[in-house]
Amino acid sequence: MIACVDFYWEEQRTVGEFDGKIKYGRLLKPGKRIEDVIFEEKVREDALRDFGLQVSAGCGPTSMEPESFVNEYFALLRAHLDATRHLFFGLGTVCS
């Protein structure tokens, strides 16, 4: 296994990643610096690309309130899908 990812579209050989602010804040492990986490993430994404996958990354939800989290998560997912729709449906095609 190369990595666990948030989304994987096998036919398009594309992974989608969402990283929230929490990853670089309270979930930061003792002794880790933000730049260490960012560098490790870059190495991980490069390994995915070396494996022949496309990587599309964006920011994740900022709220941990369940209803807000879900609403924000799906809005981000929709934006991600809109930004990468050419991978699935051809350039210029709009899907709803």
Protein backbone atom coordinates (compact mmCIF):
# COMPACT_ATOMS: atom_id res chain seq x y z
CA MET A 1 0.00 0.00 0.00
CA ILE A 2 1.27 3.45 -0.91
CA ALA A 3 -1.13 5.56 1.15
CA CYS A 4 -4.67 5.87 2.47
CA VAL A 5 -6.53 8.58 0.57
CA ASP A 6 -9.84 10.37 1.03
CA PHE A 7 -11.17 9.52 -2.45
CA TYR A 8 -10.06 7.24 -5.25
CA TRP A 9 -11.44 7.09 -8.77
CA GLU A 10 -9.93 3.92 -10.20
CA GLU A 11 -10.87 4.37 -13.86
CA GLN A 12 -9.37 7.88 -13.90
CA ARG A 13 -6.37 6.85 -11.76
CA THR A 14 -7.05 9.91 -9.61
CA VAL A 15 -7.05 10.45 -5.87
CA GLY A 16 -8.72 13.32 -4.05
CA GLU A 17 -7.43 14.65 -0.77
CA PHE A 18 -8.96 17.10 1.71
CA ASP A 19 -6.81 18.46 4.50
CA GLY A 20 -8.41 20.57 7.20
CA LYS A 21 -6.89 23.18 9.44
CA ILE A 22 -7.09 20.74 12.35
CA LYS A 23 -4.35 18.60 10.77
CA TYR A 24 -1.87 21.42 11.22
CA GLY A 25 -3.16 22.47 14.64
CA ARG A 26 -4.38 20.34 17.48
CA LEU A 27 -3.72 17.05 15.66
CA LEU A 28 -0.06 18.00 15.22
CA LYS A 29 1.94 15.37 17.10
CA PRO A 30 4.32 16.49 19.86
CA GLY A 31 7.72 17.36 18.44
CA LYS A 32 6.36 17.75 14.89
CA ARG A 33 6.56 21.07 13.12
CA ILE A 34 4.01 22.17 10.54
CA GLU A 35 6.72 22.24 7.89
CA ASP A 36 7.55 18.57 8.70
CA VAL A 37 3.93 17.57 8.11
CA ILE A 38 3.75 19.54 4.86
CA PHE A 39 7.00 18.01 3.61
CA GLU A 40 5.83 14.46 4.50
CA GLU A 41 2.59 15.15 2.67
CA LYS A 42 4.50 16.31 -0.41
CA VAL A 43 6.64 13.14 -0.37
CA ARG A 44 3.48 11.04 -0.02
CA GLU A 45 1.76 12.81 -2.94
CA ASP A 46 4.89 12.41 -5.07
CA ALA A 47 4.85 8.66 -4.33
CA LEU A 48 1.23 8.51 -5.52
CA ARG A 49 2.19 10.38 -8.71
CA ASP A 50 5.19 8.08 -9.23
CA PHE A 51 2.71 5.21 -9.10
CA GLY A 52 0.88 6.82 -12.02
CA LEU A 53 -1.94 8.48 -10.12
CA GLN A 54 -3.14 12.06 -10.41
CA VAL A 55 -3.53 13.86 -7.10
CA SER A 56 -6.08 16.58 -6.53
CA ALA A 57 -5.92 18.22 -3.12
CA GLY A 58 -7.94 20.87 -1.35
CA CYS A 59 -8.77 22.21 2.08
CA GLY A 60 -11.18 20.27 4.22
CA PRO A 61 -14.03 21.39 6.47
CA THR A 62 -13.16 23.87 9.21
CA SER A 63 -16.09 23.15 11.55
CA MET A 64 -16.31 20.14 13.84
CA GLU A 65 -20.04 20.82 14.52
CA PRO A 66 -21.62 17.71 12.89
CA GLU A 67 -24.24 19.44 10.72
CA SER A 68 -21.87 22.20 9.63
CA PHE A 69 -19.10 19.67 8.97
CA VAL A 70 -21.31 17.58 6.70
CA ASN A 71 -22.63 20.60 4.80
CA GLU A 72 -19.15 22.06 4.36
CA TYR A 73 -17.67 18.66 3.41
CA PHE A 74 -20.21 18.09 0.65
CA ALA A 75 -19.78 21.64 -0.66
CA LEU A 76 -16.02 21.06 -0.83
CA LEU A 77 -16.54 17.68 -2.51
CA ARG A 78 -18.81 19.30 -5.11
CA ALA A 79 -16.20 22.00 -5.78
CA HIS A 80 -13.52 19.32 -6.10
CA LEU A 81 -15.62 17.33 -8.55
CA ASP A 82 -16.41 20.47 -10.57
CA ALA A 83 -12.71 21.33 -10.73
CA THR A 84 -11.77 17.83 -11.90
CA ARG A 85 -14.77 16.99 -14.10
CA HIS A 86 -12.60 17.07 -17.22
CA LEU A 87 -10.92 13.90 -15.91
CA PHE A 88 -14.26 12.13 -16.01
CA PHE A 89 -16.34 13.70 -18.77
CA GLY A 90 -13.99 15.46 -21.16
CA LEU A 91 -12.93 19.09 -21.27
CA GLY A 92 -15.68 21.67 -21.19
CA THR A 93 -18.48 19.30 -20.26
CA VAL A 94 -20.66 20.49 -17.41
CA CYS A 95 -22.31 17.87 -15.23
CA SER A 96 -24.95 18.50 -12.57
